Amino acid sequence: MMNRKVVLLLSGGFDSSVAGHLLKEQDYQIIPLHLSNVDFAGDDSIEKSKEIARVFGWKKIYVIDIADILQTFVDKCKHSYYFVLMKRFMLRLAGEIVKIENATYIGTGESLGQVSSQTLANISVIEQAADYRVLKPLITFDKEKIIDYTRSLKIFDISAGPEICDLLGPKHPVTNAILENALKEEDKLDISNMIENSMKSLQLLSS
């Protein structure tokens, strides 16, 4: 039987939670990965993600703190590319968990055009950082439909709240990213070392 393990990037917000549920409904085995920013959010986003995992019956959740990484993107790279670079890095970290879990896919809560990083051009540039196929079950959903799902699933109150990753973002993010430009920004960084350092904070928690 084909391996249907998916490493789900789970923020604890609306989108990724619904995405995980829809993938589960399609008989994928969900392995949640929460990328925290403890410097800005404390443990709140971790607790939200653990609660979502409990509701959906996911027994474990990986957590990696990327606060230093997000600050590095602000300090060293063109700020307009912050969200693109951040999400490319998130896919790389998800790939590390794919290897640990012997999984096959990465899952995300992206929906086309909902925010600046989710334009068709940006999604294309972001996804090219992944070594594994990225499943996006919400790609055609609008926000209202996603929020309606959280209400029907009884997770609206858990998922509500600001997206912490937005706090360091630019006022005018790029909406038509070009891969060459993203790679030039990443050339300013030691991506391999950033991944290695991030993985040092890896925790495997019970939900």
C-alpha atoms as a PDB file:
ATOM      1  CA  MET A   1       0.000   0.000   0.000  1.00  0.00           C
ATOM      2  CA  MET A   2       1.267   3.474  -0.868  1.00  0.00           C
ATOM      3  CA  ASN A   3       2.674   5.505   2.019  1.00  0.00           C
ATOM      4  CA  ARG A   4       0.090   8.206   2.802  1.00  0.00           C
ATOM      5  CA  LYS A   5       1.964   9.944   5.624  1.00  0.00           C
ATOM      6  CA  VAL A   6       1.781  13.740   5.456  1.00  0.00           C
ATOM      7  CA  VAL A   7       3.853  16.160   7.521  1.00  0.00           C
ATOM      8  CA  LEU A   8       1.349  18.969   8.107  1.00  0.00           C
ATOM      9  CA  LEU A   9       2.593  22.493   8.777  1.00  0.00           C
ATOM     10  CA  LEU A  10       0.192  23.259  11.621  1.00  0.00           C
ATOM     11  CA  SER A  11       0.128  26.849  12.866  1.00  0.00           C
ATOM     12  CA  GLY A  12      -2.874  26.373  15.140  1.00  0.00           C
ATOM     13  CA  GLY A  13      -4.842  28.879  13.060  1.00  0.00           C
ATOM     14  CA  PHE A  14      -7.850  28.323  10.828  1.00  0.00           C
ATOM     15  CA  ASP A  15      -6.258  27.307   7.547  1.00  0.00           C
ATOM     16  CA  SER A  16      -3.784  24.602   8.482  1.00  0.00           C
ATOM     17  CA  SER A  17      -6.205  23.027  10.941  1.00  0.00           C
ATOM     18  CA  VAL A  18      -8.911  22.621   8.288  1.00  0.00           C
ATOM     19  CA  ALA A  19      -6.324  21.432   5.761  1.00  0.00           C
ATOM     20  CA  GLY A  20      -5.227  18.712   8.170  1.00  0.00           C
ATOM     21  CA  HIS A  21      -8.807  17.621   8.755  1.00  0.00           C
ATOM     22  CA  LEU A  22      -9.549  17.399   5.027  1.00  0.00           C
ATOM     23  CA  LEU A  23      -6.391  15.365   4.417  1.00  0.00           C
ATOM     24  CA  LYS A  24      -7.336  13.052   7.279  1.00  0.00           C
ATOM     25  CA  GLU A  25     -10.770  12.611   5.692  1.00  0.00           C
ATOM     26  CA  GLN A  26      -8.969  11.428   2.545  1.00  0.00           C
ATOM     27  CA  ASP A  27      -7.201   8.723   4.580  1.00  0.00           C
ATOM     28  CA  TYR A  28      -3.863  10.452   4.881  1.00  0.00           C
ATOM     29  CA  GLN A  29      -1.928   9.868   8.101  1.00  0.00           C
ATOM     30  CA  ILE A  30      -1.195  13.293   9.595  1.00  0.00           C
ATOM     31  CA  ILE A  31       2.077  14.130  11.344  1.00  0.00           C
ATOM     32  CA  PRO A  32       1.715  17.717  12.651  1.00  0.00           C
ATOM     33  CA  LEU A  33       4.718  20.047  12.692  1.00  0.00           C
ATOM     34  CA  HIS A  34       4.366  23.346  14.523  1.00  0.00           C
ATOM     35  CA  LEU A  35       6.978  26.034  13.880  1.00  0.00           C
ATOM     36  CA  SER A  36       6.873  28.289  16.917  1.00  0.00           C
ATOM     37  CA  ASN A  37       8.089  31.808  17.595  1.00  0.00           C
ATOM     38  CA  VAL A  38       8.442  31.732  21.355  1.00  0.00           C
ATOM     39  CA  ASP A  39      10.092  35.176  21.506  1.00  0.00           C
ATOM     40  CA  PHE A  40       6.873  36.809  20.249  1.00  0.00           C
ATOM     41  CA  ALA A  41       4.125  34.325  21.066  1.00  0.00           C
ATOM     42  CA  GLY A  42       5.317  32.482  24.116  1.00  0.00           C
ATOM     43  CA  ASP A  43       3.869  28.990  24.256  1.00  0.00           C
ATOM     44  CA  ASP A  44       0.345  30.007  23.211  1.00  0.00           C
ATOM     45  CA  SER A  45       0.628  28.871  19.596  1.00  0.00           C
ATOM     46  CA  ILE A  46       2.134  25.567  20.719  1.00  0.00           C
ATOM     47  CA  GLU A  47      -0.777  24.935  23.076  1.00  0.00           C
ATOM     48  CA  LYS A  48      -3.284  25.833  20.338  1.00  0.00           C
ATOM     49  CA  SER A  49      -1.641  23.395  17.955  1.00  0.00           C
ATOM     50  CA  LYS A  50      -1.557  20.643  20.581  1.00  0.00           C
ATOM     51  CA  GLU A  51      -5.263  21.185  21.251  1.00  0.00           C
ATOM     52  CA  ILE A  52      -6.072  20.959  17.520  1.00  0.00           C
ATOM     53  CA  ALA A  53      -4.082  17.727  17.367  1.00  0.00           C
ATOM     54  CA  ARG A  54      -6.053  16.349  20.323  1.00  0.00           C
ATOM     55  CA  VAL A  55      -9.391  17.230  18.724  1.00  0.00           C
ATOM     56  CA  PHE A  56      -8.462  15.443  15.499  1.00  0.00           C
ATOM     57  CA  GLY A  57      -6.870  12.442  17.186  1.00  0.00           C
ATOM     58  CA  TRP A  58      -3.273  13.086  16.131  1.00  0.00           C
ATOM     59  CA  LYS A  59      -1.270  11.509  18.936  1.00  0.00           C
ATOM     60  CA  LYS A  60       1.966  13.445  18.564  1.00  0.00           C
ATOM     61  CA  ILE A  61       3.228  16.769  17.298  1.00  0.00           C
ATOM     62  CA  TYR A  62       6.693  17.993  16.372  1.00  0.00           C
ATOM     63  CA  VAL A  63       7.657  21.516  17.464  1.00  0.00           C
ATOM     64  CA  ILE A  64      10.598  23.612  16.238  1.00  0.00           C
ATOM     65  CA  ASP A  65      11.303  27.148  17.442  1.00  0.00           C
ATOM     66  CA  ILE A  66      12.188  29.420  14.499  1.00  0.00           C
ATOM     67  CA  ALA A  67      12.244  32.807  16.279  1.00  0.00           C
ATOM     68  CA  ASP A  68      15.932  33.377  15.491  1.00  0.00           C
ATOM     69  CA  ILE A  69      15.420  32.335  11.879  1.00  0.00           C
ATOM     70  CA  LEU A  70      12.608  34.822  11.333  1.00  0.00           C
ATOM     71  CA  GLN A  71      14.747  37.614  12.772  1.00  0.00           C
ATOM     72  CA  THR A  72      17.594  36.598  10.465  1.00  0.00           C
ATOM     73  CA  PHE A  73      15.359  37.044   7.426  1.00  0.00           C
ATOM     74  CA  VAL A  74      14.496  40.552   8.669  1.00  0.00           C
ATOM     75  CA  ASP A  75      18.111  41.474   9.385  1.00  0.00           C
ATOM     76  CA  LYS A  76      19.848  40.093   6.301  1.00  0.00           C
ATOM     77  CA  CYS A  77      17.351  39.912   3.434  1.00  0.00           C
ATOM     78  CA  LYS A  78      15.175  42.206   1.384  1.00  0.00           C
ATOM     79  CA  HIS A  79      12.158  42.722   3.625  1.00  0.00           C
ATOM     80  CA  SER A  80       9.612  42.482   0.811  1.00  0.00           C
ATOM     81  CA  TYR A  81      10.675  38.843   0.333  1.00  0.00           C
ATOM     82  CA  TYR A  82      10.204  37.955   4.023  1.00  0.00           C
ATOM     83  CA  PHE A  83       7.076  35.803   3.647  1.00  0.00           C
ATOM     84  CA  VAL A  84       8.405  33.992   0.582  1.00  0.00           C
ATOM     85  CA  LEU A  85      11.726  33.195   2.273  1.00  0.00           C
ATOM     86  CA  MET A  86       9.997  32.212   5.508  1.00  0.00           C
ATOM     87  CA  LYS A  87       7.684  29.764   3.779  1.00  0.00           C
ATOM     88  CA  ARG A  88      10.482  28.307   1.681  1.00  0.00           C
ATOM     89  CA  PHE A  89      12.373  27.658   4.906  1.00  0.00           C
ATOM     90  CA  MET A  90       9.306  26.101   6.519  1.00  0.00           C
ATOM     91  CA  LEU A  91       9.047  23.623   3.662  1.00  0.00           C
ATOM     92  CA  ARG A  92      12.690  22.702   4.139  1.00  0.00           C
ATOM     93  CA  LEU A  93      12.111  22.009   7.837  1.00  0.00           C
ATOM     94  CA  ALA A  94       9.014  19.991   7.008  1.00  0.00           C
ATOM     95  CA  GLY A  95      11.224  17.977   4.676  1.00  0.00           C
ATOM     96  CA  GLU A  96      13.475  17.120   7.605  1.00  0.00           C
ATOM     97  CA  ILE A  97      10.482  15.682   9.461  1.00  0.00           C
ATOM     98  CA  VAL A  98       9.404  13.814   6.329  1.00  0.00           C
ATOM     99  CA  LYS A  99      12.773  12.038   6.471  1.00  0.00           C
ATOM    100  CA  ILE A 100      12.476  11.294  10.199  1.00  0.00           C
ATOM    101  CA  GLU A 101       8.956   9.903   9.790  1.00  0.00           C
ATOM    102  CA  ASN A 102       9.564   8.153   6.474  1.00  0.00           C
ATOM    103  CA  ALA A 103       6.615  10.163   5.157  1.00  0.00           C
ATOM    104  CA  THR A 104       5.793  11.003   1.542  1.00  0.00           C
ATOM    105  CA  TYR A 105       4.128  14.431   1.494  1.00  0.00           C
ATOM    106  CA  ILE A 106       4.044  17.867   3.089  1.00  0.00           C
ATOM    107  CA  GLY A 107       0.652  19.449   3.779  1.00  0.00           C
ATOM    108  CA  THR A 108      -0.122  23.165   4.031  1.00  0.00           C
ATOM    109  CA  GLY A 109      -3.161  25.390   4.504  1.00  0.00           C
ATOM    110  CA  GLU A 110      -2.485  27.665   1.557  1.00  0.00           C
ATOM    111  CA  SER A 111      -5.386  29.006  -0.483  1.00  0.00           C
ATOM    112  CA  LEU A 112      -4.839  30.926  -3.684  1.00  0.00           C
ATOM    113  CA  GLY A 113      -4.771  34.687  -3.329  1.00  0.00           C
ATOM    114  CA  GLN A 114      -5.944  34.837   0.283  1.00  0.00           C
ATOM    115  CA  VAL A 115      -2.858  36.774   1.428  1.00  0.00           C
ATOM    116  CA  SER A 116       0.103  38.325  -0.326  1.00  0.00           C
ATOM    117  CA  SER A 117       2.316  35.249  -0.070  1.00  0.00           C
ATOM    118  CA  GLN A 118      -0.358  33.124  -1.711  1.00  0.00           C
ATOM    119  CA  THR A 119      -0.418  34.622  -5.182  1.00  0.00           C
ATOM    120  CA  LEU A 120       0.196  32.103  -7.949  1.00  0.00           C
ATOM    121  CA  ALA A 121       3.692  33.475  -8.568  1.00  0.00           C
ATOM    122  CA  ASN A 122       4.634  33.373  -4.900  1.00  0.00           C
ATOM    123  CA  ILE A 123       3.252  29.878  -4.320  1.00  0.00           C
ATOM    124  CA  SER A 124       5.293  28.656  -7.286  1.00  0.00           C
ATOM    125  CA  VAL A 125       8.521  30.168  -5.930  1.00  0.00           C
ATOM    126  CA  ILE A 126       7.818  28.897  -2.411  1.00  0.00           C
ATOM    127  CA  GLU A 127       7.050  25.339  -3.478  1.00  0.00           C
ATOM    128  CA  GLN A 128      10.292  25.013  -5.428  1.00  0.00           C
ATOM    129  CA  ALA A 129      12.135  24.865  -2.088  1.00  0.00           C
ATOM    130  CA  ALA A 130      10.417  21.567  -1.229  1.00  0.00           C
ATOM    131  CA  ASP A 131      11.992  18.189  -1.927  1.00  0.00           C
ATOM    132  CA  TYR A 132       8.613  16.502  -1.506  1.00  0.00           C
ATOM    133  CA  ARG A 133       5.188  16.940  -3.050  1.00  0.00           C
ATOM    134  CA  VAL A 134       3.151  19.613  -1.254  1.00  0.00           C
ATOM    135  CA  LEU A 135      -0.565  18.916  -0.762  1.00  0.00           C
ATOM    136  CA  LYS A 136      -2.818  21.986  -0.558  1.00  0.00           C
ATOM    137  CA  PRO A 137      -6.406  20.874   0.037  1.00  0.00           C
ATOM    138  CA  LEU A 138      -7.619  24.461   0.566  1.00  0.00           C
ATOM    139  CA  ILE A 139      -6.113  25.912  -2.600  1.00  0.00           C
ATOM    140  CA  THR A 140      -9.495  27.025  -4.032  1.00  0.00           C
ATOM    141  CA  PHE A 141     -11.177  27.918  -0.718  1.00  0.00           C
ATOM    142  CA  ASP A 142     -11.965  31.455   0.394  1.00  0.00           C
ATOM    143  CA  LYS A 143     -11.601  32.558   4.011  1.00  0.00           C
ATOM    144  CA  GLU A 144     -15.319  32.453   4.758  1.00  0.00           C
ATOM    145  CA  LYS A 145     -15.552  28.832   3.686  1.00  0.00           C
ATOM    146  CA  ILE A 146     -12.534  27.925   5.821  1.00  0.00           C
ATOM    147  CA  ILE A 147     -13.959  29.668   8.892  1.00  0.00           C
ATOM    148  CA  ASP A 148     -17.315  27.937   8.346  1.00  0.00           C
ATOM    149  CA  TYR A 149     -15.435  24.636   8.455  1.00  0.00           C
ATOM    150  CA  THR A 150     -13.833  25.528  11.801  1.00  0.00           C
ATOM    151  CA  ARG A 151     -17.267  26.223  13.247  1.00  0.00           C
ATOM    152  CA  SER A 152     -18.678  22.917  12.012  1.00  0.00           C
ATOM    153  CA  LEU A 153     -15.615  21.110  13.390  1.00  0.00           C
ATOM    154  CA  LYS A 154     -15.945  22.902  16.769  1.00  0.00           C
ATOM    155  CA  ILE A 155     -12.434  24.359  16.578  1.00  0.00           C
ATOM    156  CA  PHE A 156     -13.212  28.012  15.831  1.00  0.00           C
ATOM    157  CA  ASP A 157     -12.475  29.179  19.384  1.00  0.00           C
ATOM    158  CA  ILE A 158      -9.202  27.254  19.474  1.00  0.00           C
ATOM    159  CA  SER A 159      -7.985  28.515  16.097  1.00  0.00           C
ATOM    160  CA  ALA A 160      -9.009  32.179  16.447  1.00  0.00           C
ATOM    161  CA  GLY A 161      -6.265  34.736  17.019  1.00  0.00           C
ATOM    162  CA  PRO A 162      -3.462  36.556  15.175  1.00  0.00           C
ATOM    163  CA  GLU A 163      -0.948  34.765  13.002  1.00  0.00           C
ATOM    164  CA  ILE A 164       2.312  35.285  14.864  1.00  0.00           C
ATOM    165  CA  CYS A 165       4.481  34.869  11.760  1.00  0.00           C
ATOM    166  CA  ASP A 166       2.951  38.098  10.415  1.00  0.00           C
ATOM    167  CA  LEU A 167       4.398  40.263  13.180  1.00  0.00           C
ATOM    168  CA  LEU A 168       7.816  40.690  11.532  1.00  0.00           C
ATOM    169  CA  GLY A 169       6.425  40.932   8.016  1.00  0.00           C
ATOM    170  CA  PRO A 170       6.723  43.937   5.682  1.00  0.00           C
ATOM    171  CA  LYS A 171       3.966  46.443   5.001  1.00  0.00           C
ATOM    172  CA  HIS A 172       4.403  45.878   1.272  1.00  0.00           C
ATOM    173  CA  PRO A 173       5.366  42.241   0.616  1.00  0.00           C
ATOM    174  CA  VAL A 174       6.237  41.089  -2.866  1.00  0.00           C
ATOM    175  CA  THR A 175       3.243  39.634  -4.692  1.00  0.00           C
ATOM    176  CA  ASN A 176       4.973  38.586  -7.918  1.00  0.00           C
ATOM    177  CA  ALA A 177       8.056  36.797  -6.617  1.00  0.00           C
ATOM    178  CA  ILE A 178      10.780  35.695  -9.007  1.00  0.00           C
ATOM    179  CA  LEU A 179      12.764  32.565  -8.167  1.00  0.00           C
ATOM    180  CA  GLU A 180      16.081  34.150  -9.158  1.00  0.00           C
ATOM    181  CA  ASN A 181      15.477  36.987  -6.695  1.00  0.00           C
ATOM    182  CA  ALA A 182      14.538  34.603  -3.888  1.00  0.00           C
ATOM    183  CA  LEU A 183      17.700  32.605  -4.512  1.00  0.00           C
ATOM    184  CA  LYS A 184      19.787  35.797  -4.426  1.00  0.00           C
ATOM    185  CA  GLU A 185      18.338  36.606  -1.013  1.00  0.00           C
ATOM    186  CA  GLU A 186      19.037  33.068   0.209  1.00  0.00           C
ATOM    187  CA  ASP A 187      22.628  33.414  -1.012  1.00  0.00           C
ATOM    188  CA  LYS A 188      23.049  35.957   1.809  1.00  0.00           C
ATOM    189  CA  LEU A 189      22.344  33.175   4.300  1.00  0.00           C
ATOM    190  CA  ASP A 190      23.782  29.821   5.317  1.00  0.00           C
ATOM    191  CA  ILE A 191      20.590  27.831   4.811  1.00  0.00           C
ATOM    192  CA  SER A 192      22.148  24.468   5.727  1.00  0.00           C
ATOM    193  CA  ASN A 193      23.434  25.863   9.013  1.00  0.00           C
ATOM    194  CA  MET A 194      20.067  27.501   9.727  1.00  0.00           C
ATOM    195  CA  ILE A 195      18.325  24.151   9.239  1.00  0.00           C
ATOM    196  CA  GLU A 196      20.853  22.402  11.465  1.00  0.00           C
ATOM    197  CA  ASN A 197      20.456  24.987  14.223  1.00  0.00           C
ATOM    198  CA  SER A 198      16.666  24.903  13.971  1.00  0.00           C
ATOM    199  CA  MET A 199      16.621  21.127  14.323  1.00  0.00           C
ATOM    200  CA  LYS A 200      18.467  21.444  17.640  1.00  0.00           C
ATOM    201  CA  SER A 201      15.258  22.851  19.135  1.00  0.00           C
ATOM    202  CA  LEU A 202      13.147  19.945  17.825  1.00  0.00           C
ATOM    203  CA  GLN A 203      10.674  18.549  20.335  1.00  0.00           C
ATOM    204  CA  LEU A 204       8.318  15.612  19.916  1.00  0.00           C
ATOM    205  CA  LEU A 205       5.289  16.194  22.136  1.00  0.00           C
ATOM    206  CA  SER A 206       2.220  14.163  22.950  1.00  0.00           C
ATOM    207  CA  SER A 207      -1.039  15.892  22.105  1.00  0.00           C
END
